[in-house]
Structure formats: C-alpha cells, structure tokens
Protein backbone atom coordinates (compact mmCIF):
# COMPACT_ATOMS: atom_id res chain seq x y z
CA UNK A 1 0.00 0.00 0.00
CA UNK A 2 1.52 3.37 -0.98
CA UNK A 3 2.11 5.98 1.68
CA UNK A 4 -0.12 9.06 1.64
CA UNK A 5 1.35 12.03 -0.19
CA UNK A 6 0.07 14.61 2.32
CA UNK A 7 1.06 14.47 5.96
CA UNK A 8 0.63 16.58 9.08
CA UNK A 9 3.97 18.21 8.22
CA UNK A 10 2.39 19.53 5.02
CA UNK A 11 -0.41 21.21 6.99
CA UNK A 12 1.71 22.44 9.93
CA UNK A 13 5.14 23.29 8.48
CA UNK A 14 6.07 25.55 11.41
CA UNK A 15 5.89 22.74 13.99
CA UNK A 16 8.67 20.47 15.17
CA UNK A 17 9.12 17.62 17.60
CA UNK A 18 11.68 17.86 20.38
CA UNK A 19 12.49 14.75 22.37
CA UNK A 20 14.95 14.41 25.23
CA UNK A 21 16.16 11.41 27.23
CA UNK A 22 19.37 10.25 28.91
CA UNK A 23 20.82 6.87 27.91
CA UNK A 24 23.67 5.00 29.57
CA UNK A 25 25.37 4.19 26.28
CA UNK A 26 28.15 5.63 24.14
CA UNK A 27 27.00 8.79 22.36
CA UNK A 28 27.94 7.39 18.94
CA UNK A 29 25.69 4.35 19.43
CA UNK A 30 22.73 6.47 20.53
CA UNK A 31 23.24 8.80 17.56
CA UNK A 32 23.36 5.82 15.19
CA UNK A 33 20.20 4.35 16.74
CA UNK A 34 18.33 7.54 15.80
CA UNK A 35 19.95 8.29 12.44
CA UNK A 36 20.28 4.85 10.82
CA UNK A 37 16.83 3.81 9.54
CA UNK A 38 17.69 0.09 9.67
CA UNK A 39 18.49 0.34 13.38
CA UNK A 40 15.66 2.78 14.11
CA UNK A 41 13.07 0.44 12.60
CA UNK A 42 14.12 -2.29 15.06
CA UNK A 43 13.23 -0.39 18.22
CA UNK A 44 11.19 2.77 17.50
CA UNK A 45 7.41 2.58 17.62
CA UNK A 46 4.87 0.06 18.84
CA UNK A 47 5.97 -3.54 19.32
CA UNK A 48 4.88 -5.80 16.49
CA UNK A 49 4.44 -2.97 13.98
CA UNK A 50 6.34 -2.65 10.70
CA UNK A 51 7.99 0.69 10.04
CA UNK A 52 8.36 2.08 6.53
CA UNK A 53 10.48 5.15 5.84
CA UNK A 54 9.46 7.13 2.77
CA UNK A 55 11.97 9.91 3.39
CA UNK A 56 14.69 9.86 6.00
CA UNK A 57 17.02 12.84 6.22
CA UNK A 58 17.54 13.55 9.94
CA UNK A 59 19.52 16.75 9.40
CA UNK A 60 18.52 20.37 10.04
CA UNK A 61 15.93 21.20 7.41
CA UNK A 62 15.66 17.55 6.33
CA UNK A 63 12.45 15.57 6.17
CA UNK A 64 11.51 12.36 7.92
CA UNK A 65 8.34 10.63 6.77
CA UNK A 66 7.44 7.22 8.07
CA UNK A 67 4.51 4.92 8.53
CA UNK A 68 3.66 2.29 11.12
CA UNK A 69 1.64 -0.72 10.00
CA UNK A 70 0.04 -2.89 12.62
CA UNK A 71 -0.20 -6.67 12.35
CA UNK A 72 -3.78 -6.38 11.05
CA UNK A 73 -2.61 -4.10 8.21
CA UNK A 74 0.12 -6.41 6.92
CA UNK A 75 -0.51 -7.71 3.38
C-alpha cells in the first residue's frame, strides 16, 4: 500500500518535535540508533508494527516521513 502524499507536516510546516532522554550508552551508538533507519526500525514505535520510511534525512531542514503498520494491516 503506498504511503499518503500529504502528511501533518504539510499542513503544519512551522511545527517540530523535540524529544529528550538520557541513555547510559556511548554517544555514537545512541546517535546511530536515531539516524540509521535500519536500526531505528528495530526499536522505535509500537511492538509488532512494521515501520516504513518514505523519506529519511535527519539533518537540520531535512524531512523524515514514516509509517507504522500494525499486524492487522500487513498484506
């Protein structure tokens, strides 16, 4: 199933998400866990859901568009 072409980011371009948490792990590993989509898909989001990244550019001004599909939505 194709991802929708319009997202909340299209309707609210002036909004951003800020998340903060302290991890007892090397900084490079934490950075990689957030910026490598293959690693991110393994742990981010609800358990049992598939994550699809349409765009993934986690840099200032970049875009990140993803979709979660629950077990009932799997083809």
